[in-house]
Amino acid sequence: MLRILSFIFAIMLSLSGCAKKDAEQPKATIVPVTAYQVPQPKDHKVELVYPGKTKSISFVTVSARITGVLQKQYFKEGDFVKKGQVLFLIEPDLYEANYKSAKANLERALAEYEKAEKDWRRIEASFKAKVVSEQERDFALSAYKTAKANVEYARAQLRQAEINLGYTKVVAPVSGIVGQRMVDVGNLVNPGTPLVTINQIDPIYVDFSFPDRDLVKLGFEITKKGLMGLKGLKLNLILEGKSYPYSGVIDFIDTIIDEKTASVKARGLFKNPERILLPGQFVQVVVKGITRKNVILVPQKAVFQTPTGPVVWLIKDNKVQPQPVKLGETSDEYVVIEEGLKPGDIIALDNLLKLKPDVPVKVEKVVGE
């Protein structure tokens, strides 16, 4: 009997301990959340972001046009020079003398022409009056035509001398960044001797590429005229995490897919008046004005990254479960969902870090459709 009572007492103590442990175990906390109901697919303007690289719109090698000693240099290497700015001086003495000589020859030819013209007019009138012979008339006419031709020749010689004299001042053919000089002052140069290079950077090009998978997804087709609908689209730039102050446009689209990169080459044109951009810089190109057809959108803040990829918290029966998703383009505060969600799904928008699988939630508000 004593053994039976002891056994019953032990059972009662055990049950009492279990009840105490159950009472001490905390209940699961209900997390309040704002929810988003995934809407029906719709057309949406998206922004595409691709890596790009700046390139000068033209790269000019400035060369000597005449023979002479390089006398002066008027710029500092690496400076910005304007179109028409004098860069070098080639000794002008010989060309100044040639110019003066050609000018004097023209003045002499004009004087001879003036005399020959007067003689011709007088002899022509005398010939009509039958005062002079035909031979005299022909001689005067020949002298007149020769004098006229001499004037044209002298003018051409003066123009050539003027051009050569002008070439003694080597000017910048375009505005841009001037490079290192290729010839030191004091050296003899000849026609065609390279002197310096100029990178024209306003405007400036930005090279980038469209991956072919994006073109297929966006519904573009390559034609003989390029990718219809892309040329002329507005572009923005991101440089070292900051927005570039000037927008640009696509001014070139290739007509073939590069087999090595599976992409189509493109080029943007941007203003660069403050010379913020220099050739060879890496930037991000933002393509604007493209519309995706029938896509599902969710707020970007509903998506969080995990080691296995992007995830949203899917709400069912007042509990949450992680739902992997495949992301597309982002635009404003929204992101395109390629896979993982369907219209009508409910996902959490806030308190994401407090959520765990099967944690109960209280939906305080539902936004979206």
Protein backbone atom coordinates (compact mmCIF):
# COMPACT_ATOMS: atom_id res chain seq x y z
CA MET A 1 0.00 0.00 0.00
CA LEU A 2 2.86 2.31 0.88
CA ARG A 3 4.52 1.56 -2.44
CA ILE A 4 1.33 2.43 -4.32
CA LEU A 5 0.98 5.76 -2.47
CA SER A 6 4.63 6.62 -3.18
CA PHE A 7 4.13 5.86 -6.87
CA ILE A 8 1.02 8.05 -7.05
CA PHE A 9 2.87 10.89 -5.28
CA ALA A 10 5.77 10.65 -7.70
CA ILE A 11 3.40 10.87 -10.66
CA MET A 12 1.74 13.94 -9.16
CA LEU A 13 5.12 15.62 -8.66
CA SER A 14 6.07 14.84 -12.24
CA LEU A 15 2.84 16.26 -13.61
CA SER A 16 3.29 19.32 -11.41
CA GLY A 17 6.80 19.87 -12.83
CA CYS A 18 5.59 19.53 -16.42
CA ALA A 19 2.84 22.05 -15.80
CA LYS A 20 5.36 24.44 -14.33
CA LYS A 21 7.67 24.07 -17.37
CA ASP A 22 4.74 24.66 -19.74
CA ALA A 23 3.80 27.76 -17.81
CA GLU A 24 7.40 29.08 -17.96
CA GLN A 25 7.79 28.50 -21.80
CA PRO A 26 7.10 31.81 -23.67
CA LYS A 27 4.39 31.95 -26.27
CA ALA A 28 5.31 32.78 -29.91
CA THR A 29 5.30 36.57 -30.52
CA ILE A 30 2.90 37.84 -33.17
CA VAL A 31 4.66 40.31 -35.45
CA PRO A 32 2.59 43.19 -36.87
CA VAL A 33 3.23 43.81 -40.57
CA THR A 34 2.06 45.87 -43.50
CA ALA A 35 1.28 43.57 -46.41
CA TYR A 36 1.32 43.99 -50.18
CA GLN A 37 -1.04 42.17 -52.49
CA VAL A 38 0.69 41.28 -55.75
CA PRO A 39 -1.25 42.97 -58.60
CA GLN A 40 -2.09 41.72 -62.06
CA PRO A 41 0.72 41.99 -64.66
CA LYS A 42 0.89 45.33 -66.46
CA ASP A 43 3.12 47.37 -68.77
CA HIS A 44 5.79 49.30 -66.93
CA LYS A 45 8.62 51.64 -67.86
CA VAL A 46 11.96 50.28 -66.65
CA GLU A 47 15.53 51.50 -66.44
CA LEU A 48 18.38 49.31 -67.66
CA VAL A 49 21.83 49.77 -66.13
CA TYR A 50 24.98 48.62 -67.94
CA PRO A 51 28.71 49.21 -67.49
CA GLY A 52 30.23 51.67 -69.93
CA LYS A 53 33.49 53.38 -70.78
CA THR A 54 34.04 56.94 -71.96
CA LYS A 55 35.80 57.67 -75.25
CA SER A 56 36.80 60.91 -76.93
CA ILE A 57 34.63 61.90 -79.87
CA SER A 58 37.78 62.45 -81.92
CA PHE A 59 41.51 61.96 -81.47
CA VAL A 60 43.47 64.41 -83.60
CA THR A 61 47.19 64.43 -84.35
CA VAL A 62 48.39 67.96 -85.07
CA SER A 63 51.21 67.98 -87.63
CA ALA A 64 53.47 70.58 -89.20
CA ARG A 65 52.43 71.82 -92.65
CA ILE A 66 55.70 73.51 -93.63
CA THR A 67 59.48 73.13 -93.18
CA GLY A 68 61.21 75.16 -90.50
CA VAL A 69 62.60 75.30 -86.99
CA LEU A 70 60.08 74.98 -84.16
CA GLN A 71 60.56 78.27 -82.30
CA LYS A 72 57.91 78.47 -79.57
CA GLN A 73 55.32 76.42 -77.67
CA TYR A 74 52.24 78.21 -76.30
CA PHE A 75 50.52 75.53 -74.19
CA LYS A 76 51.12 73.28 -71.19
CA GLU A 77 50.81 69.56 -71.75
CA GLY A 78 47.49 68.29 -70.41
CA ASP A 79 45.77 71.68 -70.76
CA PHE A 80 42.40 72.21 -72.38
CA VAL A 81 42.82 74.14 -75.63
CA LYS A 82 40.16 75.78 -77.77
CA LYS A 83 39.72 75.39 -81.51
CA GLY A 84 41.90 77.96 -83.29
CA GLN A 85 44.25 78.46 -80.33
CA VAL A 86 47.92 78.82 -81.32
CA LEU A 87 49.98 75.85 -80.13
CA PHE A 88 53.40 76.31 -81.79
CA LEU A 89 55.33 78.84 -83.86
CA ILE A 90 57.54 77.69 -86.73
CA GLU A 91 60.18 80.25 -87.76
CA PRO A 92 58.28 82.72 -89.96
CA ASP A 93 61.15 84.83 -91.42
CA LEU A 94 61.49 83.03 -94.75
CA TYR A 95 57.70 82.85 -95.22
CA GLU A 96 57.24 86.53 -94.38
CA ALA A 97 59.85 87.37 -97.04
CA ASN A 98 58.11 85.14 -99.58
CA TYR A 99 54.81 86.80 -98.79
CA LYS A 100 56.22 90.30 -99.28
CA SER A 101 57.87 89.23 -102.54
CA ALA A 102 54.63 87.71 -103.84
CA LYS A 103 52.73 90.84 -102.87
CA ALA A 104 55.21 93.01 -104.79
CA ASN A 105 54.94 90.73 -107.82
CA LEU A 106 51.19 91.11 -107.79
CA GLU A 107 51.45 94.91 -107.65
CA ARG A 108 53.86 94.87 -110.61
CA ALA A 109 51.58 92.52 -112.55
CA LEU A 110 48.59 94.77 -111.87
CA ALA A 111 50.50 97.80 -113.17
CA GLU A 112 51.51 95.94 -116.33
CA TYR A 113 47.95 94.74 -116.79
CA GLU A 114 46.58 98.25 -116.41
CA LYS A 115 48.98 99.53 -119.12
CA ALA A 116 48.29 96.59 -121.43
CA GLU A 117 44.54 97.08 -121.08
CA LYS A 118 44.78 100.76 -121.99
CA ASP A 119 47.02 99.96 -125.01
CA TRP A 120 44.57 97.34 -126.19
CA ARG A 121 41.55 99.62 -125.91
CA ARG A 122 43.35 102.38 -127.83
CA ILE A 123 44.71 100.09 -130.57
CA GLU A 124 41.38 98.31 -130.94
CA ALA A 125 39.69 101.66 -131.61
CA SER A 126 42.44 102.64 -134.05
CA PHE A 127 42.10 99.32 -135.85
CA LYS A 128 38.37 99.89 -136.32
CA ALA A 129 39.24 103.28 -137.73
CA LYS A 130 41.74 101.57 -140.05
CA VAL A 131 44.61 103.55 -138.58
CA VAL A 132 46.71 100.56 -137.40
CA SER A 133 47.39 97.23 -138.97
CA GLU A 134 45.90 93.90 -137.98
CA GLN A 135 49.33 92.76 -136.81
CA GLU A 136 49.57 95.66 -134.37
CA ARG A 137 46.09 94.87 -133.10
CA ASP A 138 46.99 91.19 -132.55
CA PHE A 139 50.18 92.13 -130.77
CA ALA A 140 48.29 94.46 -128.37
CA LEU A 141 45.62 91.82 -127.72
CA SER A 142 48.26 89.21 -126.93
CA ALA A 143 50.04 91.58 -124.54
CA TYR A 144 46.73 92.35 -122.83
CA LYS A 145 45.86 88.67 -122.33
CA THR A 146 49.38 87.87 -121.12
CA ALA A 147 49.23 90.69 -118.58
CA LYS A 148 45.85 89.47 -117.36
CA ALA A 149 47.18 85.93 -116.95
CA ASN A 150 50.21 87.27 -115.08
CA VAL A 151 47.90 88.98 -112.60
CA GLU A 152 46.05 85.72 -111.90
CA TYR A 153 49.33 83.88 -111.48
CA ALA A 154 50.68 86.56 -109.13
CA ARG A 155 47.49 86.40 -107.09
CA ALA A 156 47.84 82.62 -106.78
CA GLN A 157 51.47 82.99 -105.72
CA LEU A 158 50.49 85.56 -103.11
CA ARG A 159 47.75 83.29 -101.82
CA GLN A 160 50.21 80.39 -101.54
CA ALA A 161 52.69 82.60 -99.70
CA GLU A 162 49.90 83.79 -97.39
CA ILE A 163 48.87 80.21 -96.63
CA ASN A 164 52.44 79.14 -95.90
CA LEU A 165 52.95 82.15 -93.65
CA GLY A 166 49.76 81.19 -91.81
CA TYR A 167 51.10 77.67 -91.31
CA THR A 168 53.97 79.09 -89.25
CA LYS A 169 51.37 79.37 -86.48
CA VAL A 170 50.23 75.84 -85.67
CA VAL A 171 46.67 76.07 -84.31
CA ALA A 172 44.35 73.57 -82.65
CA PRO A 173 41.89 72.15 -85.22
CA VAL A 174 39.46 71.14 -82.44
CA SER A 175 38.86 71.93 -78.79
CA GLY A 176 40.07 69.31 -76.34
CA ILE A 177 42.77 68.05 -74.00
CA VAL A 178 46.25 68.46 -75.47
CA GLY A 179 48.74 65.64 -74.94
CA GLN A 180 52.52 65.55 -74.65
CA ARG A 181 54.50 67.35 -77.34
CA MET A 182 56.23 65.02 -79.77
CA VAL A 183 58.94 67.49 -80.88
CA ASP A 184 60.95 69.81 -78.65
CA VAL A 185 61.38 73.48 -79.46
CA GLY A 186 64.52 74.07 -81.54
CA ASN A 187 64.13 71.05 -83.79
CA LEU A 188 63.60 71.19 -87.54
CA VAL A 189 60.17 70.00 -88.65
CA ASN A 190 58.84 69.14 -92.10
CA PRO A 191 55.35 68.81 -93.59
CA GLY A 192 53.70 65.85 -91.87
CA THR A 193 55.88 65.89 -88.73
CA PRO A 194 53.56 64.99 -85.77
CA LEU A 195 53.72 67.68 -83.07
CA VAL A 196 51.02 66.89 -80.50
CA THR A 197 47.66 65.12 -80.07
CA ILE A 198 44.31 66.53 -78.97
CA ASN A 199 41.45 64.55 -77.42
CA GLN A 200 38.10 66.16 -78.17
CA ILE A 201 35.90 65.50 -75.12
CA ASP A 202 32.93 67.86 -75.47
CA PRO A 203 30.74 66.20 -76.44
CA ILE A 204 32.03 62.78 -75.41
CA TYR A 205 31.12 59.20 -76.29
CA VAL A 206 30.26 56.39 -73.87
CA ASP A 207 30.55 52.84 -75.21
CA PHE A 208 28.37 50.08 -73.71
CA SER A 209 26.54 46.92 -74.81
CA PHE A 210 23.06 45.42 -74.66
CA PRO A 211 23.13 41.71 -73.65
CA ASP A 212 21.14 39.71 -76.21
CA ARG A 213 19.06 38.12 -73.43
CA ASP A 214 17.78 41.57 -72.47
CA LEU A 215 16.91 42.37 -76.07
CA VAL A 216 14.90 39.15 -76.38
CA LYS A 217 13.17 39.82 -73.06
CA LEU A 218 12.30 43.36 -74.13
CA GLY A 219 11.04 42.23 -77.54
CA PHE A 220 13.58 44.02 -79.73
CA GLU A 221 14.73 42.62 -83.05
CA ILE A 222 17.91 43.41 -84.96
CA THR A 223 17.27 44.74 -88.47
CA LYS A 224 19.56 46.11 -91.19
CA LYS A 225 18.97 49.52 -89.65
CA GLY A 226 19.88 48.37 -86.15
CA LEU A 227 17.67 47.84 -83.13
CA MET A 228 14.50 49.72 -83.96
CA GLY A 229 13.25 51.79 -81.05
CA LEU A 230 16.54 52.03 -79.17
CA LYS A 231 18.43 54.69 -81.11
CA GLY A 232 17.66 58.11 -79.67
CA LEU A 233 16.61 56.82 -76.24
CA LYS A 234 17.57 59.01 -73.31
CA LEU A 235 20.58 58.01 -71.19
CA ASN A 236 21.83 58.97 -67.76
CA LEU A 237 25.26 58.31 -66.28
CA ILE A 238 26.43 57.30 -62.83
CA LEU A 239 30.04 58.24 -62.13
CA GLU A 240 31.62 56.99 -58.90
CA GLY A 241 28.20 56.56 -57.31
CA LYS A 242 26.96 60.02 -58.28
CA SER A 243 24.62 61.09 -61.06
CA TYR A 244 26.26 62.91 -63.97
CA PRO A 245 24.53 66.31 -64.44
CA TYR A 246 23.88 65.97 -68.20
CA SER A 247 21.69 63.43 -69.93
CA GLY A 248 22.62 61.90 -73.26
CA VAL A 249 21.13 59.86 -76.10
CA ILE A 250 21.93 56.63 -77.89
CA ASP A 251 23.46 57.69 -81.20
CA PHE A 252 24.70 54.31 -82.46
CA ILE A 253 23.46 50.69 -82.35
CA ASP A 254 25.38 47.90 -84.03
CA THR A 255 23.57 45.50 -86.39
CA ILE A 256 25.25 42.28 -85.24
CA ILE A 257 25.61 40.33 -82.01
CA ASP A 258 29.18 39.89 -80.81
CA GLU A 259 29.60 36.13 -80.46
CA LYS A 260 32.30 36.48 -77.80
CA THR A 261 30.21 38.63 -75.46
CA ALA A 262 26.67 37.69 -76.62
CA SER A 263 25.83 41.38 -76.76
CA VAL A 264 25.17 44.24 -79.18
CA LYS A 265 27.48 47.25 -79.11
CA ALA A 266 25.93 50.66 -78.51
CA ARG A 267 27.16 54.20 -77.95
CA GLY A 268 25.85 57.22 -76.09
CA LEU A 269 26.59 60.89 -76.75
CA PHE A 270 26.87 63.30 -73.79
CA LYS A 271 27.62 66.97 -73.27
CA ASN A 272 30.78 67.56 -71.23
CA PRO A 273 31.27 71.34 -70.94
CA GLU A 274 32.92 71.22 -67.50
CA ARG A 275 35.16 68.34 -68.64
CA ILE A 276 34.01 66.14 -65.76
CA LEU A 277 34.39 63.10 -67.98
CA LEU A 278 37.75 62.07 -69.40
CA PRO A 279 38.44 59.35 -71.97
CA GLY A 280 38.87 55.90 -70.45
CA GLN A 281 36.67 56.34 -67.37
CA PHE A 282 34.37 53.51 -66.29
CA VAL A 283 30.75 54.56 -65.70
CA GLN A 284 27.28 53.08 -65.36
CA VAL A 285 24.90 53.80 -68.22
CA VAL A 286 21.21 54.09 -67.32
CA VAL A 287 18.91 53.50 -70.30
CA LYS A 288 15.52 55.16 -69.83
CA GLY A 289 12.22 55.07 -71.69
CA ILE A 290 11.91 51.29 -72.25
CA THR A 291 8.58 49.57 -71.47
CA ARG A 292 8.30 45.97 -70.25
CA LYS A 293 5.09 44.26 -71.27
CA ASN A 294 2.91 42.38 -68.73
CA VAL A 295 5.23 42.25 -65.74
CA ILE A 296 4.63 41.76 -62.02
CA LEU A 297 5.91 44.54 -59.80
CA VAL A 298 6.53 44.62 -56.06
CA PRO A 299 8.10 47.31 -53.85
CA GLN A 300 11.86 46.97 -53.59
CA LYS A 301 11.69 47.13 -49.79
CA ALA A 302 9.79 43.80 -49.73
CA VAL A 303 12.84 41.98 -51.14
CA PHE A 304 15.84 41.00 -49.05
CA GLN A 305 18.99 39.17 -49.99
CA THR A 306 20.05 35.81 -48.58
CA PRO A 307 23.13 33.68 -49.31
CA THR A 308 21.02 31.71 -51.78
CA GLY A 309 19.47 34.72 -53.52
CA PRO A 310 16.62 37.26 -53.21
CA VAL A 311 13.60 36.31 -51.06
CA VAL A 312 10.25 37.78 -49.99
CA TRP A 313 8.11 36.78 -47.00
CA LEU A 314 4.95 35.14 -48.30
CA ILE A 315 1.96 35.37 -45.92
CA LYS A 316 -0.42 32.40 -45.70
CA ASP A 317 -2.85 31.62 -42.87
CA ASN A 318 -1.37 34.47 -40.82
CA LYS A 319 2.10 32.94 -40.94
CA VAL A 320 5.12 33.70 -43.11
CA GLN A 321 7.33 31.54 -45.28
CA PRO A 322 10.40 32.63 -47.27
CA GLN A 323 9.67 32.69 -51.00
CA PRO A 324 12.66 32.81 -53.43
CA VAL A 325 12.14 35.17 -56.37
CA LYS A 326 13.96 36.01 -59.58
CA LEU A 327 14.39 39.75 -60.03
CA GLY A 328 14.25 41.82 -63.20
CA GLU A 329 14.76 45.55 -63.70
CA THR A 330 14.24 48.15 -61.01
CA SER A 331 12.39 51.41 -61.53
CA ASP A 332 11.68 54.05 -58.90
CA GLU A 333 10.65 52.11 -55.77
CA TYR A 334 9.59 48.93 -57.58
CA VAL A 335 11.30 45.86 -58.96
CA VAL A 336 10.13 43.46 -61.67
CA ILE A 337 9.56 39.87 -60.49
CA GLU A 338 10.45 37.41 -63.24
CA GLU A 339 9.63 34.26 -61.23
CA GLY A 340 8.38 33.29 -57.78
CA LEU A 341 5.14 35.25 -57.33
CA LYS A 342 1.70 35.33 -58.89
CA PRO A 343 -1.15 37.85 -58.80
CA GLY A 344 -3.02 37.76 -55.50
CA ASP A 345 -0.07 36.62 -53.36
CA ILE A 346 0.37 38.52 -50.10
CA ILE A 347 3.86 39.51 -49.00
CA ALA A 348 5.25 41.40 -46.00
CA LEU A 349 6.55 44.94 -46.49
CA ASP A 350 8.02 45.80 -43.10
CA ASN A 351 9.51 44.24 -39.95
CA LEU A 352 11.32 41.82 -42.27
CA LEU A 353 14.21 41.24 -39.88
CA LYS A 354 11.81 40.12 -37.13
CA LEU A 355 10.28 37.42 -39.30
CA LYS A 356 11.22 33.75 -39.39
CA PRO A 357 9.60 30.74 -41.05
CA ASP A 358 6.17 29.96 -39.55
CA VAL A 359 6.22 33.05 -37.31
CA PRO A 360 2.64 34.29 -36.82
CA VAL A 361 1.91 37.77 -38.11
CA LYS A 362 -0.87 40.28 -37.75
CA VAL A 363 -1.61 42.08 -40.99
CA GLU A 364 -2.43 45.62 -39.98
CA LYS A 365 -2.82 47.01 -43.49
CA VAL A 366 -2.83 45.67 -47.07
CA VAL A 367 -1.62 47.88 -49.92
CA GLY A 368 -1.67 47.18 -53.63
CA GLU A 369 -4.51 45.49 -55.47
